[in-house]
């Protein structure tokens, strides 16, 4: 019996603390209240925490890939001119 009363007291103390915090306007729940929004926020936070220190490397690699692709298109369009320039320069 003593254990049940102790658990009940702990639950009541927790409820009063939560009520006091809400009265102080410290606790402000988000408007949606759905689990999907919470999961999206967690994933977003993890992604930004992970990429936060290495975003420059990612951006540089992305730009390099775009430049290589653009260069390949340029080679395909002006193949004859490039062959002439390379053969003359050697």
PDB file of N, CA and C in Angstrom:
ATOM      1  N   UNK A   1       0.816  -1.202   0.000  1.00  0.00           N
ATOM      2  CA  UNK A   1       0.000   0.000   0.000  1.00  0.00           C
ATOM      3  C   UNK A   1       0.858   1.263   0.000  1.00  0.00           C
ATOM      4  N   UNK A   2       1.937   1.194   0.720  1.00  0.00           N
ATOM      5  CA  UNK A   2       2.798   2.367   0.811  1.00  0.00           C
ATOM      6  C   UNK A   2       3.386   2.720  -0.560  1.00  0.00           C
ATOM      7  N   UNK A   3       3.725   1.725  -1.367  1.00  0.00           N
ATOM      8  CA  UNK A   3       4.303   1.950  -2.698  1.00  0.00           C
ATOM      9  C   UNK A   3       3.288   2.607  -3.635  1.00  0.00           C
ATOM     10  N   UNK A   4       2.035   2.195  -3.570  1.00  0.00           N
ATOM     11  CA  UNK A   4       0.998   2.795  -4.422  1.00  0.00           C
ATOM     12  C   UNK A   4       0.773   4.255  -4.060  1.00  0.00           C
ATOM     13  N   UNK A   5       0.774   4.557  -2.781  1.00  0.00           N
ATOM     14  CA  UNK A   5       0.583   5.939  -2.353  1.00  0.00           C
ATOM     15  C   UNK A   5       1.755   6.809  -2.798  1.00  0.00           C
ATOM     16  N   UNK A   6       2.954   6.268  -2.754  1.00  0.00           N
ATOM     17  CA  UNK A   6       4.142   7.008  -3.189  1.00  0.00           C
ATOM     18  C   UNK A   6       4.084   7.321  -4.688  1.00  0.00           C
ATOM     19  N   UNK A   7       3.681   6.333  -5.491  1.00  0.00           N
ATOM     20  CA  UNK A   7       3.546   6.559  -6.933  1.00  0.00           C
ATOM     21  C   UNK A   7       2.476   7.601  -7.224  1.00  0.00           C
ATOM     22  N   UNK A   8       1.382   7.539  -6.471  1.00  0.00           N
ATOM     23  CA  UNK A   8       0.303   8.494  -6.658  1.00  0.00           C
ATOM     24  C   UNK A   8       0.782   9.903  -6.314  1.00  0.00           C
ATOM     25  N   UNK A   9       1.556  10.056  -5.253  1.00  0.00           N
ATOM     26  CA  UNK A   9       2.102  11.360  -4.877  1.00  0.00           C
ATOM     27  C   UNK A   9       3.038  11.902  -5.953  1.00  0.00           C
ATOM     28  N   UNK A  10       3.859  11.020  -6.529  1.00  0.00           N
ATOM     29  CA  UNK A  10       4.790  11.444  -7.577  1.00  0.00           C
ATOM     30  C   UNK A  10       4.020  11.929  -8.799  1.00  0.00           C
ATOM     31  N   UNK A  11       2.968  11.223  -9.156  1.00  0.00           N
ATOM     32  CA  UNK A  11       2.151  11.618 -10.305  1.00  0.00           C
ATOM     33  C   UNK A  11       1.478  12.957 -10.041  1.00  0.00           C
ATOM     34  N   UNK A  12       0.985  13.159  -8.838  1.00  0.00           N
ATOM     35  CA  UNK A  12       0.347  14.425  -8.499  1.00  0.00           C
ATOM     36  C   UNK A  12       1.349  15.575  -8.504  1.00  0.00           C
ATOM     37  N   UNK A  13       2.559  15.340  -8.017  1.00  0.00           N
ATOM     38  CA  UNK A  13       3.591  16.370  -8.035  1.00  0.00           C
ATOM     39  C   UNK A  13       3.946  16.745  -9.477  1.00  0.00           C
ATOM     40  N   UNK A  14       4.060  15.741 -10.319  1.00  0.00           N
ATOM     41  CA  UNK A  14       4.368  15.998 -11.723  1.00  0.00           C
ATOM     42  C   UNK A  14       3.256  16.826 -12.367  1.00  0.00           C
ATOM     43  N   UNK A  15       2.018  16.485 -12.079  1.00  0.00           N
ATOM     44  CA  UNK A  15       0.891  17.221 -12.663  1.00  0.00           C
ATOM     45  C   UNK A  15       0.887  18.668 -12.196  1.00  0.00           C
ATOM     46  N   UNK A  16       1.189  18.908 -10.938  1.00  0.00           N
ATOM     47  CA  UNK A  16       1.204  20.295 -10.456  1.00  0.00           C
ATOM     48  C   UNK A  16       2.366  21.081 -11.058  1.00  0.00           C
ATOM     49  N   UNK A  17       3.511  20.441 -11.257  1.00  0.00           N
ATOM     50  CA  UNK A  17       4.646  21.117 -11.879  1.00  0.00           C
ATOM     51  C   UNK A  17       4.314  21.499 -13.314  1.00  0.00           C
ATOM     52  N   UNK A  18       3.719  20.582 -14.051  1.00  0.00           N
ATOM     53  CA  UNK A  18       3.336  20.864 -15.437  1.00  0.00           C
ATOM     54  C   UNK A  18       2.325  22.006 -15.493  1.00  0.00           C
ATOM     55  N   UNK A  19       1.387  22.007 -14.575  1.00  0.00           N
ATOM     56  CA  UNK A  19       0.386  23.075 -14.534  1.00  0.00           C
ATOM     57  C   UNK A  19       1.041  24.427 -14.244  1.00  0.00           C
ATOM     58  N   UNK A  20       1.978  24.447 -13.309  1.00  0.00           N
ATOM     59  CA  UNK A  20       2.667  25.697 -12.980  1.00  0.00           C
ATOM     60  C   UNK A  20       3.485  26.203 -14.163  1.00  0.00           C
ATOM     61  N   UNK A  21       4.131  25.314 -14.872  1.00  0.00           N
ATOM     62  CA  UNK A  21       4.920  25.723 -16.034  1.00  0.00           C
ATOM     63  C   UNK A  21       4.018  26.303 -17.104  1.00  0.00           C
ATOM     64  N   UNK A  22       2.891  25.700 -17.327  1.00  0.00           N
ATOM     65  CA  UNK A  22       1.960  26.215 -18.342  1.00  0.00           C
ATOM     66  C   UNK A  22       1.391  27.569 -17.937  1.00  0.00           C
ATOM     67  N   UNK A  23       1.181  27.783 -16.652  1.00  0.00           N
ATOM     68  CA  UNK A  23       0.685  29.074 -16.193  1.00  0.00           C
ATOM     69  C   UNK A  23       1.706  30.176 -16.407  1.00  0.00           C
ATOM     70  N   UNK A  24       2.978  29.834 -16.327  1.00  0.00           N
ATOM     71  CA  UNK A  24       4.038  30.810 -16.518  1.00  0.00           C
ATOM     72  C   UNK A  24       4.305  31.106 -17.992  1.00  0.00           C
ATOM     73  N   UNK A  25       3.607  30.436 -18.875  1.00  0.00           N
ATOM     74  CA  UNK A  25       3.765  30.579 -20.327  1.00  0.00           C
ATOM     75  C   UNK A  25       5.182  30.220 -20.789  1.00  0.00           C
ATOM     76  N   UNK A  26       5.841  29.385 -20.043  1.00  0.00           N
ATOM     77  CA  UNK A  26       7.151  28.905 -20.461  1.00  0.00           C
ATOM     78  C   UNK A  26       6.970  27.769 -21.460  1.00  0.00           C
ATOM     79  N   UNK A  27       5.979  26.974 -21.237  1.00  0.00           N
ATOM     80  CA  UNK A  27       5.708  25.834 -22.107  1.00  0.00           C
ATOM     81  C   UNK A  27       4.724  26.268 -23.175  1.00  0.00           C
ATOM     82  N   UNK A  28       5.170  26.254 -24.427  1.00  0.00           N
ATOM     83  CA  UNK A  28       4.292  26.618 -25.530  1.00  0.00           C
ATOM     84  C   UNK A  28       4.324  25.494 -26.560  1.00  0.00           C
ATOM     85  N   UNK A  29       3.306  24.646 -26.582  1.00  0.00           N
ATOM     86  CA  UNK A  29       3.305  23.556 -27.556  1.00  0.00           C
ATOM     87  C   UNK A  29       3.129  24.087 -28.964  1.00  0.00           C
ATOM     88  N   UNK A  30       3.659  23.357 -29.938  1.00  0.00           N
ATOM     89  CA  UNK A  30       3.493  23.780 -31.321  1.00  0.00           C
ATOM     90  C   UNK A  30       2.046  23.581 -31.738  1.00  0.00           C
ATOM     91  N   UNK A  31       1.673  24.245 -32.784  1.00  0.00           N
ATOM     92  CA  UNK A  31       0.265  24.317 -33.145  1.00  0.00           C
ATOM     93  C   UNK A  31      -0.287  23.006 -33.695  1.00  0.00           C
ATOM     94  N   UNK A  32       0.562  22.222 -34.366  1.00  0.00           N
ATOM     95  CA  UNK A  32       0.050  21.036 -35.054  1.00  0.00           C
ATOM     96  C   UNK A  32      -0.258  19.904 -34.085  1.00  0.00           C
ATOM     97  N   UNK A  33       0.719  19.489 -33.323  1.00  0.00           N
ATOM     98  CA  UNK A  33       0.515  18.432 -32.349  1.00  0.00           C
ATOM     99  C   UNK A  33       0.535  17.031 -32.931  1.00  0.00           C
ATOM    100  N   UNK A  34       0.987  16.872 -34.164  1.00  0.00           N
ATOM    101  CA  UNK A  34       1.002  15.538 -34.760  1.00  0.00           C
ATOM    102  C   UNK A  34       2.416  14.962 -34.735  1.00  0.00           C
ATOM    103  N   UNK A  35       2.493  13.659 -34.767  1.00  0.00           N
ATOM    104  CA  UNK A  35       3.791  12.982 -34.711  1.00  0.00           C
ATOM    105  C   UNK A  35       4.589  13.161 -35.992  1.00  0.00           C
ATOM    106  N   UNK A  36       3.901  13.333 -37.108  1.00  0.00           N
ATOM    107  CA  UNK A  36       4.600  13.485 -38.384  1.00  0.00           C
ATOM    108  C   UNK A  36       5.438  14.757 -38.379  1.00  0.00           C
ATOM    109  N   UNK A  37       4.879  15.841 -37.866  1.00  0.00           N
ATOM    110  CA  UNK A  37       5.635  17.101 -37.790  1.00  0.00           C
ATOM    111  C   UNK A  37       6.848  16.955 -36.891  1.00  0.00           C
ATOM    112  N   UNK A  38       6.692  16.240 -35.781  1.00  0.00           N
ATOM    113  CA  UNK A  38       7.819  16.018 -34.883  1.00  0.00           C
ATOM    114  C   UNK A  38       8.911  15.200 -35.561  1.00  0.00           C
ATOM    115  N   UNK A  39       8.515  14.180 -36.308  1.00  0.00           N
ATOM    116  CA  UNK A  39       9.496  13.345 -37.000  1.00  0.00           C
ATOM    117  C   UNK A  39      10.217  14.129 -38.091  1.00  0.00           C
ATOM    118  N   UNK A  40       9.494  14.963 -38.810  1.00  0.00           N
ATOM    119  CA  UNK A  40      10.122  15.792 -39.843  1.00  0.00           C
ATOM    120  C   UNK A  40      11.120  16.748 -39.206  1.00  0.00           C
ATOM    121  N   UNK A  41      10.751  17.333 -38.079  1.00  0.00           N
ATOM    122  CA  UNK A  41      11.654  18.256 -37.391  1.00  0.00           C
ATOM    123  C   UNK A  41      12.911  17.547 -36.910  1.00  0.00           C
ATOM    124  N   UNK A  42      12.761  16.317 -36.423  1.00  0.00           N
ATOM    125  CA  UNK A  42      13.924  15.557 -35.949  1.00  0.00           C
ATOM    126  C   UNK A  42      14.854  15.225 -37.111  1.00  0.00           C
ATOM    127  N   UNK A  43      14.300  14.773 -38.218  1.00  0.00           N
ATOM    128  CA  UNK A  43      15.125  14.433 -39.382  1.00  0.00           C
ATOM    129  C   UNK A  43      15.827  15.678 -39.912  1.00  0.00           C
ATOM    130  N   UNK A  44      15.096  16.788 -39.963  1.00  0.00           N
ATOM    131  CA  UNK A  44      15.698  18.034 -40.437  1.00  0.00           C
ATOM    132  C   UNK A  44      16.852  18.457 -39.531  1.00  0.00           C
ATOM    133  N   UNK A  45      16.665  18.339 -38.240  1.00  0.00           N
ATOM    134  CA  UNK A  45      17.729  18.713 -37.296  1.00  0.00           C
ATOM    135  C   UNK A  45      18.949  17.804 -37.464  1.00  0.00           C
ATOM    136  N   UNK A  46      18.720  16.504 -37.644  1.00  0.00           N
ATOM    137  CA  UNK A  46      19.841  15.578 -37.825  1.00  0.00           C
ATOM    138  C   UNK A  46      20.601  15.868 -39.111  1.00  0.00           C
ATOM    139  N   UNK A  47      19.876  16.171 -40.180  1.00  0.00           N
ATOM    140  CA  UNK A  47      20.527  16.469 -41.460  1.00  0.00           C
ATOM    141  C   UNK A  47      21.379  17.719 -41.342  1.00  0.00           C
ATOM    142  N   UNK A  48      20.827  18.783 -40.758  1.00  0.00           N
ATOM    143  CA  UNK A  48      21.596  20.022 -40.637  1.00  0.00           C
ATOM    144  C   UNK A  48      22.751  19.881 -39.657  1.00  0.00           C
ATOM    145  N   UNK A  49      22.574  19.073 -38.613  1.00  0.00           N
ATOM    146  CA  UNK A  49      23.695  18.841 -37.698  1.00  0.00           C
ATOM    147  C   UNK A  49      24.809  18.073 -38.381  1.00  0.00           C
ATOM    148  N   UNK A  50      24.449  17.112 -39.230  1.00  0.00           N
ATOM    149  CA  UNK A  50      25.462  16.307 -39.906  1.00  0.00           C
ATOM    150  C   UNK A  50      26.179  17.107 -40.988  1.00  0.00           C
ATOM    151  N   UNK A  51      25.409  17.827 -41.807  1.00  0.00           N
ATOM    152  CA  UNK A  51      25.999  18.565 -42.914  1.00  0.00           C
ATOM    153  C   UNK A  51      26.518  19.939 -42.508  1.00  0.00           C
ATOM    154  N   UNK A  52      26.314  20.336 -41.288  1.00  0.00           N
ATOM    155  CA  UNK A  52      26.728  21.657 -40.855  1.00  0.00           C
ATOM    156  C   UNK A  52      28.210  21.898 -40.986  1.00  0.00           C
ATOM    157  N   UNK A  53      29.015  20.906 -40.673  1.00  0.00           N
ATOM    158  CA  UNK A  53      30.460  21.104 -40.690  1.00  0.00           C
ATOM    159  C   UNK A  53      31.091  20.703 -42.009  1.00  0.00           C
ATOM    160  N   UNK A  54      30.340  20.094 -42.895  1.00  0.00           N
ATOM    161  CA  UNK A  54      30.933  19.660 -44.162  1.00  0.00           C
ATOM    162  C   UNK A  54      30.163  20.183 -45.374  1.00  0.00           C
ATOM    163  N   UNK A  55      29.411  21.268 -45.212  1.00  0.00           N
ATOM    164  CA  UNK A  55      28.617  21.768 -46.330  1.00  0.00           C
ATOM    165  C   UNK A  55      29.493  22.322 -47.436  1.00  0.00           C
ATOM    166  N   UNK A  56      30.655  22.871 -47.113  1.00  0.00           N
ATOM    167  CA  UNK A  56      31.513  23.417 -48.170  1.00  0.00           C
ATOM    168  C   UNK A  56      32.025  22.314 -49.085  1.00  0.00           C
ATOM    169  N   UNK A  57      32.396  21.187 -48.504  1.00  0.00           N
ATOM    170  CA  UNK A  57      32.861  20.058 -49.326  1.00  0.00           C
ATOM    171  C   UNK A  57      31.755  19.574 -50.256  1.00  0.00           C
ATOM    172  N   UNK A  58      30.558  19.515 -49.756  1.00  0.00           N
ATOM    173  CA  UNK A  58      29.429  19.046 -50.560  1.00  0.00           C
ATOM    174  C   UNK A  58      29.146  20.024 -51.699  1.00  0.00           C
ATOM    175  N   UNK A  59      29.167  21.317 -51.410  1.00  0.00           N
ATOM    176  CA  UNK A  59      28.893  22.327 -52.440  1.00  0.00           C
ATOM    177  C   UNK A  59      29.977  22.306 -53.508  1.00  0.00           C
ATOM    178  N   UNK A  60      31.248  22.204 -53.100  1.00  0.00           N
ATOM    179  CA  UNK A  60      32.343  22.175 -54.070  1.00  0.00           C
ATOM    180  C   UNK A  60      32.241  20.940 -54.965  1.00  0.00           C
ATOM    181  N   UNK A  61      31.948  19.789 -54.390  1.00  0.00           N
ATOM    182  CA  UNK A  61      31.796  18.575 -55.204  1.00  0.00           C
ATOM    183  C   UNK A  61      30.630  18.702 -56.179  1.00  0.00           C
ATOM    184  N   UNK A  62      29.532  19.294 -55.730  1.00  0.00           N
ATOM    185  CA  UNK A  62      28.379  19.479 -56.608  1.00  0.00           C
ATOM    186  C   UNK A  62      28.732  20.398 -57.783  1.00  0.00           C
ATOM    187  N   UNK A  63      29.411  21.497 -57.496  1.00  0.00           N
ATOM    188  CA  UNK A  63      29.803  22.426 -58.552  1.00  0.00           C
ATOM    189  C   UNK A  63      30.772  21.759 -59.524  1.00  0.00           C
ATOM    190  N   UNK A  64      31.683  20.958 -58.992  1.00  0.00           N
ATOM    191  CA  UNK A  64      32.644  20.258 -59.854  1.00  0.00           C
ATOM    192  C   UNK A  64      31.928  19.290 -60.797  1.00  0.00           C
ATOM    193  N   UNK A  65      30.947  18.582 -60.292  1.00  0.00           N
ATOM    194  CA  UNK A  65      30.189  17.650 -61.136  1.00  0.00           C
ATOM    195  C   UNK A  65      29.452  18.407 -62.232  1.00  0.00           C
ATOM    196  N   UNK A  66      28.833  19.543 -61.893  1.00  0.00           N
ATOM    197  CA  UNK A  66      28.120  20.347 -62.889  1.00  0.00           C
ATOM    198  C   UNK A  66      29.076  20.855 -63.964  1.00  0.00           C
ATOM    199  N   UNK A  67      30.280  21.305 -63.557  1.00  0.00           N
ATOM    200  CA  UNK A  67      31.261  21.801 -64.519  1.00  0.00           C
ATOM    201  C   UNK A  67      31.731  20.682 -65.447  1.00  0.00           C
ATOM    202  N   UNK A  68      31.949  19.497 -64.927  1.00  0.00           N
ATOM    203  CA  UNK A  68      32.374  18.367 -65.760  1.00  0.00           C
ATOM    204  C   UNK A  68      31.286  18.007 -66.768  1.00  0.00           C
ATOM    205  N   UNK A  69      30.040  18.003 -66.326  1.00  0.00           N
ATOM    206  CA  UNK A  69      28.939  17.687 -67.246  1.00  0.00           C
ATOM    207  C   UNK A  69      28.843  18.752 -68.339  1.00  0.00           C
ATOM    208  N   UNK A  70      28.962  20.028 -67.948  1.00  0.00           N
ATOM    209  CA  UNK A  70      28.929  21.100 -68.949  1.00  0.00           C
ATOM    210  C   UNK A  70      30.106  20.978 -69.906  1.00  0.00           C
ATOM    211  N   UNK A  71      31.285  20.607 -69.414  1.00  0.00           N
ATOM    212  CA  UNK A  71      32.449  20.407 -70.272  1.00  0.00           C
ATOM    213  C   UNK A  71      32.251  19.278 -71.251  1.00  0.00           C
ATOM    214  N   UNK A  72      31.626  18.194 -70.815  1.00  0.00           N
ATOM    215  CA  UNK A  72      31.359  17.076 -71.725  1.00  0.00           C
ATOM    216  C   UNK A  72      30.415  17.494 -72.846  1.00  0.00           C
ATOM    217  N   UNK A  73      29.396  18.286 -72.518  1.00  0.00           N
ATOM    218  CA  UNK A  73      28.507  18.779 -73.567  1.00  0.00           C
ATOM    219  C   UNK A  73      29.254  19.690 -74.534  1.00  0.00           C
ATOM    220  N   UNK A  74      30.154  20.509 -74.002  1.00  0.00           N
ATOM    221  CA  UNK A  74      30.939  21.386 -74.868  1.00  0.00           C
ATOM    222  C   UNK A  74      31.850  20.602 -75.787  1.00  0.00           C
ATOM    223  N   UNK A  75      32.452  19.533 -75.285  1.00  0.00           N
ATOM    224  CA  UNK A  75      33.321  18.686 -76.124  1.00  0.00           C
ATOM    225  C   UNK A  75      32.508  18.025 -77.227  1.00  0.00           C
ATOM    226  N   UNK A  76      31.325  17.568 -76.892  1.00  0.00           N
ATOM    227  CA  UNK A  76      30.495  16.911 -77.908  1.00  0.00           C
ATOM    228  C   UNK A  76      30.086  17.891 -79.010  1.00  0.00           C
ATOM    229  N   UNK A  77      29.855  19.151 -78.667  1.00  0.00           N
ATOM    230  CA  UNK A  77      29.418  20.126 -79.664  1.00  0.00           C
ATOM    231  C   UNK A  77      30.564  20.603 -80.551  1.00  0.00           C
ATOM    232  N   UNK A  78      31.746  20.790 -79.982  1.00  0.00           N
ATOM    233  CA  UNK A  78      32.867  21.357 -80.731  1.00  0.00           C
ATOM    234  C   UNK A  78      34.021  20.362 -80.839  1.00  0.00           C
ATOM    235  N   UNK A  79      33.712  19.135 -81.140  1.00  0.00           N
ATOM    236  CA  UNK A  79      34.735  18.085 -81.177  1.00  0.00           C
ATOM    237  C   UNK A  79      35.799  18.364 -82.246  1.00  0.00           C
ATOM    238  N   UNK A  80      35.388  18.804 -83.410  1.00  0.00           N
ATOM    239  CA  UNK A  80      36.337  19.039 -84.501  1.00  0.00           C
ATOM    240  C   UNK A  80      37.298  20.171 -84.161  1.00  0.00           C
ATOM    241  N   UNK A  81      36.794  21.248 -83.612  1.00  0.00           N
ATOM    242  CA  UNK A  81      37.665  22.373 -83.249  1.00  0.00           C
ATOM    243  C   UNK A  81      38.664  21.960 -82.179  1.00  0.00           C
ATOM    244  N   UNK A  82      38.222  21.172 -81.213  1.00  0.00           N
ATOM    245  CA  UNK A  82      39.119  20.742 -80.131  1.00  0.00           C
ATOM    246  C   UNK A  82      40.211  19.828 -80.670  1.00  0.00           C
ATOM    247  N   UNK A  83      39.861  18.944 -81.600  1.00  0.00           N
ATOM    248  CA  UNK A  83      40.869  18.058 -82.196  1.00  0.00           C
ATOM    249  C   UNK A  83      41.902  18.875 -82.955  1.00  0.00           C
ATOM    250  N   UNK A  84      41.470  19.898 -83.687  1.00  0.00           N
ATOM    251  CA  UNK A  84      42.402  20.751 -84.431  1.00  0.00           C
ATOM    252  C   UNK A  84      43.319  21.502 -83.477  1.00  0.00           C
ATOM    253  N   UNK A  85      42.778  22.075 -82.401  1.00  0.00           N
ATOM    254  CA  UNK A  85      43.575  22.829 -81.436  1.00  0.00           C
ATOM    255  C   UNK A  85      44.581  21.921 -80.741  1.00  0.00           C
ATOM    256  N   UNK A  86      44.162  20.741 -80.373  1.00  0.00           N
ATOM    257  CA  UNK A  86      45.074  19.818 -79.690  1.00  0.00           C
ATOM    258  C   UNK A  86      46.171  19.338 -80.629  1.00  0.00           C
ATOM    259  N   UNK A  87      45.821  19.068 -81.875  1.00  0.00           N
ATOM    260  CA  UNK A  87      46.841  18.585 -82.828  1.00  0.00           C
ATOM    261  C   UNK A  87      47.828  19.678 -83.178  1.00  0.00           C
ATOM    262  N   UNK A  88      47.398  20.932 -83.246  1.00  0.00           N
ATOM    263  CA  UNK A  88      48.295  22.041 -83.539  1.00  0.00           C
ATOM    264  C   UNK A  88      49.232  22.317 -82.367  1.00  0.00           C
ATOM    265  N   UNK A  89      48.696  22.211 -81.154  1.00  0.00           N
ATOM    266  CA  UNK A  89      49.504  22.554 -79.985  1.00  0.00           C
ATOM    267  C   UNK A  89      50.569  21.515 -79.675  1.00  0.00           C
ATOM    268  N   UNK A  90      50.496  20.345 -80.261  1.00  0.00           N
ATOM    269  CA  UNK A  90      51.510  19.307 -79.989  1.00  0.00           C
ATOM    270  C   UNK A  90      52.544  19.371 -81.010  1.00  0.00           C
TER     271      UNK A  90
END
